[in-house]
Amino acid sequence: MIFILYGIFTAMTAGVERALIAEIAPGRLKGTMLGLHSTIAGIALLPASVICGFLWESFGSAVPFIIGASMSAVAAILLILFFTHQIDKICSFAGENKLRIEFTT
């Protein structure tokens, strides 16, 4: 069951990541930026898996998920606090605001 859920998650996120990169990369660098994204993601997966395995074996199966969820929450908060202007810029496609994300402070 977990593999089915992971497959659904990957199907929903991988294409969106690549589409965003293709949208914001300069025309002549689209391939380079997509390759760089894949390289960085691939390099980050090895230490992430090793750390997750260590936490799982040392502290139990719930700890990696709790730490992952906590880190995701911190990342979301930091994005909202420091990159709000970039979110608006990214959501503006070809001069049209097809999607608008507004945060009030």
PDB file of N, CA and C in Angstrom:
ATOM      1  N   MET A   1       0.820  -1.205   0.000  1.00  0.00           N
ATOM      2  CA  MET A   1       0.000   0.000   0.000  1.00  0.00           C
ATOM      3  C   MET A   1       0.859   1.263   0.000  1.00  0.00           C
ATOM      4  N   ILE A   2       1.957   1.229   0.752  1.00  0.00           N
ATOM      5  CA  ILE A   2       2.805   2.418   0.840  1.00  0.00           C
ATOM      6  C   ILE A   2       3.417   2.766  -0.519  1.00  0.00           C
ATOM      7  N   PHE A   3       3.707   1.732  -1.329  1.00  0.00           N
ATOM      8  CA  PHE A   3       4.283   1.988  -2.639  1.00  0.00           C
ATOM      9  C   PHE A   3       3.261   2.634  -3.575  1.00  0.00           C
ATOM     10  N   ILE A   4       2.025   2.268  -3.433  1.00  0.00           N
ATOM     11  CA  ILE A   4       0.971   2.887  -4.235  1.00  0.00           C
ATOM     12  C   ILE A   4       0.834   4.362  -3.868  1.00  0.00           C
ATOM     13  N   LEU A   5       0.833   4.671  -2.575  1.00  0.00           N
ATOM     14  CA  LEU A   5       0.744   6.069  -2.137  1.00  0.00           C
ATOM     15  C   LEU A   5       1.956   6.870  -2.595  1.00  0.00           C
ATOM     16  N   TYR A   6       3.139   6.267  -2.523  1.00  0.00           N
ATOM     17  CA  TYR A   6       4.343   6.971  -2.980  1.00  0.00           C
ATOM     18  C   TYR A   6       4.276   7.225  -4.487  1.00  0.00           C
ATOM     19  N   GLY A   7       3.751   6.263  -5.230  1.00  0.00           N
ATOM     20  CA  GLY A   7       3.591   6.449  -6.669  1.00  0.00           C
ATOM     21  C   GLY A   7       2.642   7.593  -6.989  1.00  0.00           C
ATOM     22  N   ILE A   8       1.559   7.690  -6.234  1.00  0.00           N
ATOM     23  CA  ILE A   8       0.610   8.792  -6.432  1.00  0.00           C
ATOM     24  C   ILE A   8       1.271  10.127  -6.098  1.00  0.00           C
ATOM     25  N   PHE A   9       2.014  10.167  -4.990  1.00  0.00           N
ATOM     26  CA  PHE A   9       2.725  11.382  -4.606  1.00  0.00           C
ATOM     27  C   PHE A   9       3.708  11.806  -5.695  1.00  0.00           C
ATOM     28  N   THR A  10       4.500  10.863  -6.193  1.00  0.00           N
ATOM     29  CA  THR A  10       5.481  11.185  -7.229  1.00  0.00           C
ATOM     30  C   THR A  10       4.797  11.672  -8.495  1.00  0.00           C
ATOM     31  N   ALA A  11       3.712  11.039  -8.863  1.00  0.00           N
ATOM     32  CA  ALA A  11       2.977  11.461 -10.059  1.00  0.00           C
ATOM     33  C   ALA A  11       2.447  12.883  -9.923  1.00  0.00           C
ATOM     34  N   MET A  12       2.066  13.266  -8.708  1.00  0.00           N
ATOM     35  CA  MET A  12       1.508  14.609  -8.504  1.00  0.00           C
ATOM     36  C   MET A  12       2.587  15.678  -8.393  1.00  0.00           C
ATOM     37  N   THR A  13       3.800  15.332  -7.976  1.00  0.00           N
ATOM     38  CA  THR A  13       4.810  16.358  -7.719  1.00  0.00           C
ATOM     39  C   THR A  13       5.907  16.453  -8.768  1.00  0.00           C
ATOM     40  N   ALA A  14       6.340  15.350  -9.333  1.00  0.00           N
ATOM     41  CA  ALA A  14       7.488  15.375 -10.246  1.00  0.00           C
ATOM     42  C   ALA A  14       7.215  16.244 -11.472  1.00  0.00           C
ATOM     43  N   GLY A  15       6.065  16.085 -12.074  1.00  0.00           N
ATOM     44  CA  GLY A  15       5.739  16.887 -13.253  1.00  0.00           C
ATOM     45  C   GLY A  15       5.601  18.365 -12.941  1.00  0.00           C
ATOM     46  N   VAL A  16       5.055  18.665 -11.773  1.00  0.00           N
ATOM     47  CA  VAL A  16       4.880  20.066 -11.366  1.00  0.00           C
ATOM     48  C   VAL A  16       6.241  20.732 -11.147  1.00  0.00           C
ATOM     49  N   GLU A  17       7.154  20.018 -10.494  1.00  0.00           N
ATOM     50  CA  GLU A  17       8.499  20.569 -10.287  1.00  0.00           C
ATOM     51  C   GLU A  17       9.161  20.887 -11.616  1.00  0.00           C
ATOM     52  N   ARG A  18       9.114  19.950 -12.532  1.00  0.00           N
ATOM     53  CA  ARG A  18       9.763  20.145 -13.829  1.00  0.00           C
ATOM     54  C   ARG A  18       9.090  21.255 -14.634  1.00  0.00           C
ATOM     55  N   ALA A  19       7.779  21.342 -14.550  1.00  0.00           N
ATOM     56  CA  ALA A  19       7.071  22.411 -15.260  1.00  0.00           C
ATOM     57  C   ALA A  19       7.445  23.774 -14.706  1.00  0.00           C
ATOM     58  N   LEU A  20       7.566  23.873 -13.390  1.00  0.00           N
ATOM     59  CA  LEU A  20       7.959  25.140 -12.777  1.00  0.00           C
ATOM     60  C   LEU A  20       9.367  25.532 -13.211  1.00  0.00           C
ATOM     61  N   ILE A  21      10.288  24.582 -13.199  1.00  0.00           N
ATOM     62  CA  ILE A  21      11.655  24.868 -13.615  1.00  0.00           C
ATOM     63  C   ILE A  21      11.682  25.306 -15.074  1.00  0.00           C
ATOM     64  N   ALA A  22      10.963  24.612 -15.934  1.00  0.00           N
ATOM     65  CA  ALA A  22      10.917  24.979 -17.350  1.00  0.00           C
ATOM     66  C   ALA A  22      10.296  26.361 -17.542  1.00  0.00           C
ATOM     67  N   GLU A  23       9.360  26.725 -16.690  1.00  0.00           N
ATOM     68  CA  GLU A  23       8.691  28.031 -16.806  1.00  0.00           C
ATOM     69  C   GLU A  23       9.599  29.184 -16.389  1.00  0.00           C
ATOM     70  N   ILE A  24      10.378  29.008 -15.343  1.00  0.00           N
ATOM     71  CA  ILE A  24      11.167  30.129 -14.828  1.00  0.00           C
ATOM     72  C   ILE A  24      12.595  30.166 -15.359  1.00  0.00           C
ATOM     73  N   ALA A  25      13.047  29.106 -16.026  1.00  0.00           N
ATOM     74  CA  ALA A  25      14.413  29.085 -16.563  1.00  0.00           C
ATOM     75  C   ALA A  25      14.466  29.874 -17.875  1.00  0.00           C
ATOM     76  N   PRO A  26      15.584  30.556 -18.113  1.00  0.00           N
ATOM     77  CA  PRO A  26      15.747  31.219 -19.412  1.00  0.00           C
ATOM     78  C   PRO A  26      15.707  30.190 -20.541  1.00  0.00           C
ATOM     79  N   GLY A  27      15.222  30.597 -21.696  1.00  0.00           N
ATOM     80  CA  GLY A  27      15.020  29.683 -22.810  1.00  0.00           C
ATOM     81  C   GLY A  27      16.206  28.816 -23.159  1.00  0.00           C
ATOM     82  N   ARG A  28      17.391  29.405 -23.221  1.00  0.00           N
ATOM     83  CA  ARG A  28      18.572  28.642 -23.629  1.00  0.00           C
ATOM     84  C   ARG A  28      19.126  27.760 -22.519  1.00  0.00           C
ATOM     85  N   LEU A  29      18.618  27.910 -21.297  1.00  0.00           N
ATOM     86  CA  LEU A  29      19.125  27.134 -20.172  1.00  0.00           C
ATOM     87  C   LEU A  29      18.117  26.138 -19.609  1.00  0.00           C
ATOM     88  N   LYS A  30      17.002  25.948 -20.289  1.00  0.00           N
ATOM     89  CA  LYS A  30      15.967  25.042 -19.756  1.00  0.00           C
ATOM     90  C   LYS A  30      16.505  23.632 -19.520  1.00  0.00           C
ATOM     91  N   GLY A  31      17.185  23.075 -20.493  1.00  0.00           N
ATOM     92  CA  GLY A  31      17.743  21.730 -20.347  1.00  0.00           C
ATOM     93  C   GLY A  31      18.777  21.653 -19.239  1.00  0.00           C
ATOM     94  N   THR A  32      19.610  22.673 -19.145  1.00  0.00           N
ATOM     95  CA  THR A  32      20.627  22.719 -18.094  1.00  0.00           C
ATOM     96  C   THR A  32      19.985  22.790 -16.720  1.00  0.00           C
ATOM     97  N   MET A  33      18.973  23.616 -16.576  1.00  0.00           N
ATOM     98  CA  MET A  33      18.308  23.761 -15.277  1.00  0.00           C
ATOM     99  C   MET A  33      17.565  22.480 -14.886  1.00  0.00           C
ATOM    100  N   LEU A  34      16.927  21.823 -15.848  1.00  0.00           N
ATOM    101  CA  LEU A  34      16.257  20.553 -15.548  1.00  0.00           C
ATOM    102  C   LEU A  34      17.274  19.488 -15.141  1.00  0.00           C
ATOM    103  N   GLY A  35      18.414  19.451 -15.828  1.00  0.00           N
ATOM    104  CA  GLY A  35      19.471  18.506 -15.468  1.00  0.00           C
ATOM    105  C   GLY A  35      20.066  18.808 -14.108  1.00  0.00           C
ATOM    106  N   LEU A  36      20.250  20.096 -13.816  1.00  0.00           N
ATOM    107  CA  LEU A  36      20.783  20.489 -12.514  1.00  0.00           C
ATOM    108  C   LEU A  36      19.821  20.112 -11.390  1.00  0.00           C
ATOM    109  N   HIS A  37      18.544  20.314 -11.612  1.00  0.00           N
ATOM    110  CA  HIS A  37      17.532  19.927 -10.617  1.00  0.00           C
ATOM    111  C   HIS A  37      17.600  18.430 -10.342  1.00  0.00           C
ATOM    112  N   SER A  38      17.659  17.634 -11.392  1.00  0.00           N
ATOM    113  CA  SER A  38      17.725  16.174 -11.208  1.00  0.00           C
ATOM    114  C   SER A  38      19.010  15.759 -10.509  1.00  0.00           C
ATOM    115  N   THR A  39      20.119  16.414 -10.841  1.00  0.00           N
ATOM    116  CA  THR A  39      21.395  16.096 -10.200  1.00  0.00           C
ATOM    117  C   THR A  39      21.362  16.408  -8.718  1.00  0.00           C
ATOM    118  N   ILE A  40      20.884  17.586  -8.368  1.00  0.00           N
ATOM    119  CA  ILE A  40      20.821  17.977  -6.954  1.00  0.00           C
ATOM    120  C   ILE A  40      19.872  17.063  -6.176  1.00  0.00           C
ATOM    121  N   ALA A  41      18.730  16.758  -6.761  1.00  0.00           N
ATOM    122  CA  ALA A  41      17.780  15.860  -6.085  1.00  0.00           C
ATOM    123  C   ALA A  41      18.397  14.479  -5.892  1.00  0.00           C
ATOM    124  N   GLY A  42      19.087  13.979  -6.893  1.00  0.00           N
ATOM    125  CA  GLY A  42      19.721  12.673  -6.782  1.00  0.00           C
ATOM    126  C   GLY A  42      20.825  12.632  -5.744  1.00  0.00           C
ATOM    127  N   ILE A  43      21.639  13.683  -5.702  1.00  0.00           N
ATOM    128  CA  ILE A  43      22.721  13.750  -4.713  1.00  0.00           C
ATOM    129  C   ILE A  43      22.148  13.845  -3.298  1.00  0.00           C
ATOM    130  N   ALA A  44      21.052  14.568  -3.139  1.00  0.00           N
ATOM    131  CA  ALA A  44      20.455  14.736  -1.811  1.00  0.00           C
ATOM    132  C   ALA A  44      19.766  13.469  -1.314  1.00  0.00           C
ATOM    133  N   LEU A  45      19.361  12.592  -2.214  1.00  0.00           N
ATOM    134  CA  LEU A  45      18.643  11.389  -1.797  1.00  0.00           C
ATOM    135  C   LEU A  45      19.518  10.415  -1.004  1.00  0.00           C
ATOM    136  N   LEU A  46      20.806  10.310  -1.325  1.00  0.00           N
ATOM    137  CA  LEU A  46      21.649   9.347  -0.613  1.00  0.00           C
ATOM    138  C   LEU A  46      21.800   9.701   0.862  1.00  0.00           C
ATOM    139  N   PRO A  47      22.274  10.908   1.221  1.00  0.00           N
ATOM    140  CA  PRO A  47      22.373  11.200   2.655  1.00  0.00           C
ATOM    141  C   PRO A  47      21.016  11.207   3.354  1.00  0.00           C
ATOM    142  N   ALA A  48      19.968  11.625   2.661  1.00  0.00           N
ATOM    143  CA  ALA A  48      18.640  11.613   3.277  1.00  0.00           C
ATOM    144  C   ALA A  48      18.228  10.189   3.623  1.00  0.00           C
ATOM    145  N   SER A  49      18.490   9.260   2.740  1.00  0.00           N
ATOM    146  CA  SER A  49      18.136   7.864   3.002  1.00  0.00           C
ATOM    147  C   SER A  49      18.976   7.268   4.126  1.00  0.00           C
ATOM    148  N   VAL A  50      20.252   7.608   4.164  1.00  0.00           N
ATOM    149  CA  VAL A  50      21.126   7.104   5.229  1.00  0.00           C
ATOM    150  C   VAL A  50      20.683   7.650   6.585  1.00  0.00           C
ATOM    151  N   ILE A  51      20.397   8.947   6.648  1.00  0.00           N
ATOM    152  CA  ILE A  51      19.946   9.556   7.901  1.00  0.00           C
ATOM    153  C   ILE A  51      18.609   8.956   8.334  1.00  0.00           C
ATOM    154  N   CYS A  52      17.702   8.781   7.395  1.00  0.00           N
ATOM    155  CA  CYS A  52      16.396   8.183   7.711  1.00  0.00           C
ATOM    156  C   CYS A  52      16.570   6.767   8.251  1.00  0.00           C
ATOM    157  N   GLY A  53      17.425   5.992   7.618  1.00  0.00           N
ATOM    158  CA  GLY A  53      17.671   4.631   8.096  1.00  0.00           C
ATOM    159  C   GLY A  53      18.271   4.607   9.494  1.00  0.00           C
ATOM    160  N   PHE A  54      19.203   5.521   9.753  1.00  0.00           N
ATOM    161  CA  PHE A  54      19.801   5.613  11.085  1.00  0.00           C
ATOM    162  C   PHE A  54      18.750   5.961  12.134  1.00  0.00           C
ATOM    163  N   LEU A  55      17.919   6.956  11.853  1.00  0.00           N
ATOM    164  CA  LEU A  55      16.870   7.356  12.793  1.00  0.00           C
ATOM    165  C   LEU A  55      15.877   6.227  13.026  1.00  0.00           C
ATOM    166  N   TRP A  56      15.511   5.535  11.973  1.00  0.00           N
ATOM    167  CA  TRP A  56      14.552   4.436  12.064  1.00  0.00           C
ATOM    168  C   TRP A  56      15.101   3.328  12.954  1.00  0.00           C
ATOM    169  N   GLU A  57      16.345   2.939  12.697  1.00  0.00           N
ATOM    170  CA  GLU A  57      16.953   1.848  13.467  1.00  0.00           C
ATOM    171  C   GLU A  57      17.243   2.245  14.915  1.00  0.00           C
ATOM    172  N   SER A  58      17.608   3.496  15.138  1.00  0.00           N
ATOM    173  CA  SER A  58      18.007   3.942  16.478  1.00  0.00           C
ATOM    174  C   SER A  58      16.834   4.339  17.361  1.00  0.00           C
ATOM    175  N   PHE A  59      15.814   4.974  16.763  1.00  0.00           N
ATOM    176  CA  PHE A  59      14.757   5.567  17.583  1.00  0.00           C
ATOM    177  C   PHE A  59      13.347   5.070  17.263  1.00  0.00           C
ATOM    178  N   GLY A  60      13.205   4.277  16.234  1.00  0.00           N
ATOM    179  CA  GLY A  60      11.889   3.758  15.888  1.00  0.00           C
ATOM    180  C   GLY A  60      11.366   4.328  14.580  1.00  0.00           C
ATOM    181  N   SER A  61      10.327   3.717  14.089  1.00  0.00           N
ATOM    182  CA  SER A  61       9.819   4.067  12.762  1.00  0.00           C
ATOM    183  C   SER A  61       9.121   5.424  12.696  1.00  0.00           C
ATOM    184  N   ALA A  62       8.608   5.920  13.802  1.00  0.00           N
ATOM    185  CA  ALA A  62       7.876   7.194  13.765  1.00  0.00           C
ATOM    186  C   ALA A  62       8.799   8.399  13.678  1.00  0.00           C
ATOM    187  N   VAL A  63      10.012   8.288  14.206  1.00  0.00           N
ATOM    188  CA  VAL A  63      10.908   9.447  14.311  1.00  0.00           C
ATOM    189  C   VAL A  63      11.262  10.058  12.951  1.00  0.00           C
ATOM    190  N   PRO A  64      11.642   9.278  11.929  1.00  0.00           N
ATOM    191  CA  PRO A  64      11.942   9.922  10.640  1.00  0.00           C
ATOM    192  C   PRO A  64      10.758  10.695  10.068  1.00  0.00           C
ATOM    193  N   PHE A  65       9.552  10.179  10.264  1.00  0.00           N
ATOM    194  CA  PHE A  65       8.370  10.860   9.743  1.00  0.00           C
ATOM    195  C   PHE A  65       8.077  12.146  10.526  1.00  0.00           C
ATOM    196  N   ILE A  66       8.261  12.109  11.833  1.00  0.00           N
ATOM    197  CA  ILE A  66       8.053  13.306  12.652  1.00  0.00           C
ATOM    198  C   ILE A  66       9.066  14.382  12.293  1.00  0.00           C
ATOM    199  N   ILE A  67      10.322  13.989  12.144  1.00  0.00           N
ATOM    200  CA  ILE A  67      11.358  14.957  11.776  1.00  0.00           C
ATOM    201  C   ILE A  67      11.115  15.499  10.375  1.00  0.00           C
ATOM    202  N   GLY A  68      10.735  14.635   9.440  1.00  0.00           N
ATOM    203  CA  GLY A  68      10.434  15.087   8.082  1.00  0.00           C
ATOM    204  C   GLY A  68       9.275  16.065   8.037  1.00  0.00           C
ATOM    205  N   ALA A  69       8.220  15.763   8.782  1.00  0.00           N
ATOM    206  CA  ALA A  69       7.066  16.663   8.830  1.00  0.00           C
ATOM    207  C   ALA A  69       7.440  17.994   9.467  1.00  0.00           C
ATOM    208  N   SER A  70       8.261  17.939  10.512  1.00  0.00           N
ATOM    209  CA  SER A  70       8.694  19.172  11.178  1.00  0.00           C
ATOM    210  C   SER A  70       9.532  20.034  10.247  1.00  0.00           C
ATOM    211  N   MET A  71      10.443  19.399   9.527  1.00  0.00           N
ATOM    212  CA  MET A  71      11.289  20.155   8.589  1.00  0.00           C
ATOM    213  C   MET A  71      10.465  20.745   7.455  1.00  0.00           C
ATOM    214  N   SER A  72       9.448  20.026   7.004  1.00  0.00           N
ATOM    215  CA  SER A  72       8.563  20.551   5.965  1.00  0.00           C
ATOM    216  C   SER A  72       7.787  21.763   6.458  1.00  0.00           C
ATOM    217  N   ALA A  73       7.314  21.705   7.690  1.00  0.00           N
ATOM    218  CA  ALA A  73       6.580  22.834   8.261  1.00  0.00           C
ATOM    219  C   ALA A  73       7.481  24.059   8.393  1.00  0.00           C
ATOM    220  N   VAL A  74       8.714  23.858   8.853  1.00  0.00           N
ATOM    221  CA  VAL A  74       9.662  24.969   8.972  1.00  0.00           C
ATOM    222  C   VAL A  74       9.955  25.559   7.598  1.00  0.00           C
ATOM    223  N   ALA A  75      10.157  24.700   6.598  1.00  0.00           N
ATOM    224  CA  ALA A  75      10.426  25.191   5.241  1.00  0.00           C
ATOM    225  C   ALA A  75       9.246  25.999   4.704  1.00  0.00           C
ATOM    226  N   ALA A  76       8.031  25.540   4.944  1.00  0.00           N
ATOM    227  CA  ALA A  76       6.848  26.270   4.478  1.00  0.00           C
ATOM    228  C   ALA A  76       6.748  27.634   5.148  1.00  0.00           C
ATOM    229  N   ILE A  77       7.013  27.680   6.435  1.00  0.00           N
ATOM    230  CA  ILE A  77       6.972  28.956   7.154  1.00  0.00           C
ATOM    231  C   ILE A  77       8.035  29.907   6.635  1.00  0.00           C
ATOM    232  N   LEU A  78       9.251  29.405   6.409  1.00  0.00           N
ATOM    233  CA  LEU A  78      10.322  30.258   5.883  1.00  0.00           C
ATOM    234  C   LEU A  78       9.987  30.764   4.482  1.00  0.00           C
ATOM    235  N   LEU A  79       9.395  29.921   3.653  1.00  0.00           N
ATOM    236  CA  LEU A  79       8.986  30.369   2.322  1.00  0.00           C
ATOM    237  C   LEU A  79       7.957  31.482   2.409  1.00  0.00           C
ATOM    238  N   ILE A  80       6.992  31.322   3.284  1.00  0.00           N
ATOM    239  CA  ILE A  80       5.956  32.343   3.434  1.00  0.00           C
ATOM    240  C   ILE A  80       6.557  33.645   3.951  1.00  0.00           C
ATOM    241  N   LEU A  81       7.471  33.558   4.907  1.00  0.00           N
ATOM    242  CA  LEU A  81       8.035  34.763   5.511  1.00  0.00           C
ATOM    243  C   LEU A  81       9.017  35.500   4.604  1.00  0.00           C
ATOM    244  N   PHE A  82       9.833  34.763   3.878  1.00  0.00           N
ATOM    245  CA  PHE A  82      10.944  35.408   3.167  1.00  0.00           C
ATOM    246  C   PHE A  82      10.822  35.428   1.656  1.00  0.00           C
ATOM    247  N   PHE A  83       9.926  34.648   1.077  1.00  0.00           N
ATOM    248  CA  PHE A  83       9.881  34.574  -0.377  1.00  0.00           C
ATOM    249  C   PHE A  83       8.502  34.862  -0.950  1.00  0.00           C
ATOM    250  N   THR A  84       7.700  35.629  -0.255  1.00  0.00           N
ATOM    251  CA  THR A  84       6.358  35.942  -0.730  1.00  0.00           C
ATOM    252  C   THR A  84       6.397  36.650  -2.076  1.00  0.00           C
ATOM    253  N   HIS A  85       7.333  37.581  -2.250  1.00  0.00           N
ATOM    254  CA  HIS A  85       7.421  38.303  -3.522  1.00  0.00           C
ATOM    255  C   HIS A  85       7.829  37.378  -4.656  1.00  0.00           C
ATOM    256  N   GLN A  86       8.624  36.370  -4.393  1.00  0.00           N
ATOM    257  CA  GLN A  86       9.011  35.415  -5.423  1.00  0.00           C
ATOM    258  C   GLN A  86       7.840  34.523  -5.811  1.00  0.00           C
ATOM    259  N   ILE A  87       6.996  34.166  -4.851  1.00  0.00           N
ATOM    260  CA  ILE A  87       5.833  33.335  -5.147  1.00  0.00           C
ATOM    261  C   ILE A  87       4.923  34.061  -6.124  1.00  0.00           C
ATOM    262  N   ASP A  88       4.715  35.352  -5.921  1.00  0.00           N
ATOM    263  CA  ASP A  88       3.881  36.134  -6.819  1.00  0.00           C
ATOM    264  C   ASP A  88       4.502  36.180  -8.214  1.00  0.00           C
ATOM    265  N   LYS A  89       5.831  36.324  -8.273  1.00  0.00           N
ATOM    266  CA  LYS A  89       6.535  36.377  -9.552  1.00  0.00           C
ATOM    267  C   LYS A  89       6.427  35.039 -10.286  1.00  0.00           C
ATOM    268  N   ILE A  90       6.584  33.943  -9.574  1.00  0.00           N
ATOM    269  CA  ILE A  90       6.515  32.623 -10.184  1.00  0.00           C
ATOM    270  C   ILE A  90       5.106  32.338 -10.693  1.00  0.00           C
ATOM    271  N   CYS A  91       4.105  32.805  -9.964  1.00  0.00           N
ATOM    272  CA  CYS A  91       2.719  32.531 -10.340  1.00  0.00           C
ATOM    273  C   CYS A  91       2.221  33.414 -11.465  1.00  0.00           C
ATOM    274  N   SER A  92       3.036  34.331 -11.925  1.00  0.00           N
ATOM    275  CA  SER A  92       2.643  35.193 -13.026  1.00  0.00           C
ATOM    276  C   SER A  92       3.179  34.587 -14.323  1.00  0.00           C
ATOM    277  N   PHE A  93       2.313  34.011 -15.122  1.00  0.00           N
ATOM    278  CA  PHE A  93       2.727  33.336 -16.351  1.00  0.00           C
ATOM    279  C   PHE A  93       2.492  34.253 -17.542  1.00  0.00           C
ATOM    280  N   ALA A  94       3.539  34.522 -18.266  1.00  0.00           N
ATOM    281  CA  ALA A  94       3.462  35.277 -19.519  1.00  0.00           C
ATOM    282  C   ALA A  94       2.703  36.595 -19.358  1.00  0.00           C
ATOM    283  N   GLY A  95       2.925  37.261 -18.241  1.00  0.00           N
ATOM    284  CA  GLY A  95       2.305  38.549 -18.017  1.00  0.00           C
ATOM    285  C   GLY A  95       0.871  38.476 -17.519  1.00  0.00           C
ATOM    286  N   GLU A  96       0.303  37.286 -17.450  1.00  0.00           N
ATOM    287  CA  GLU A  96      -1.066  37.140 -16.969  1.00  0.00           C
ATOM    288  C   GLU A  96      -1.042  36.499 -15.598  1.00  0.00           C
ATOM    289  N   ASN A  97      -1.887  36.943 -14.727  1.00  0.00           N
ATOM    290  CA  ASN A  97      -1.994  36.318 -13.412  1.00  0.00           C
ATOM    291  C   ASN A  97      -3.070  35.248 -13.460  1.00  0.00           C
ATOM    292  N   LYS A  98      -2.656  34.039 -13.847  1.00  0.00           N
ATOM    293  CA  LYS A  98      -3.591  32.929 -13.897  1.00  0.00           C
ATOM    294  C   LYS A  98      -3.811  32.333 -12.513  1.00  0.00           C
ATOM    295  N   LEU A  99      -2.799  32.477 -11.674  1.00  0.00           N
ATOM    296  CA  LEU A  99      -2.883  31.942 -10.325  1.00  0.00           C
ATOM    297  C   LEU A  99      -2.354  33.016  -9.396  1.00  0.00           C
ATOM    298  N   ARG A 100      -3.069  33.312  -8.364  1.00  0.00           N
ATOM    299  CA  ARG A 100      -2.668  34.380  -7.449  1.00  0.00           C
ATOM    300  C   ARG A 100      -2.629  33.815  -6.039  1.00  0.00           C
ATOM    301  N   ILE A 101      -1.480  33.916  -5.402  1.00  0.00           N
ATOM    302  CA  ILE A 101      -1.322  33.500  -4.015  1.00  0.00           C
ATOM    303  C   ILE A 101      -1.041  34.753  -3.211  1.00  0.00           C
ATOM    304  N   GLU A 102      -1.873  35.038  -2.253  1.00  0.00           N
ATOM    305  CA  GLU A 102      -1.663  36.225  -1.432  1.00  0.00           C
ATOM    306  C   GLU A 102      -1.563  35.830   0.016  1.00  0.00           C
ATOM    307  N   PHE A 103      -0.584  36.413   0.687  1.00  0.00           N
ATOM    308  CA  PHE A 103      -0.404  36.188   2.099  1.00  0.00           C
ATOM    309  C   PHE A 103      -0.561  37.515   2.811  1.00  0.00           C
ATOM    310  N   THR A 104      -1.372  37.550   3.803  1.00  0.00           N
ATOM    311  CA  THR A 104      -1.544  38.786   4.574  1.00  0.00           C
ATOM    312  C   THR A 104      -0.764  38.657   5.872  1.00  0.00           C
ATOM    313  N   THR A 105      -0.102  39.738   6.220  1.00  0.00           N
ATOM    314  CA  THR A 105       0.679  39.729   7.462  1.00  0.00           C
ATOM    315  C   THR A 105       0.179  40.809   8.389  1.00  0.00           C
TER     316      THR A 105
END
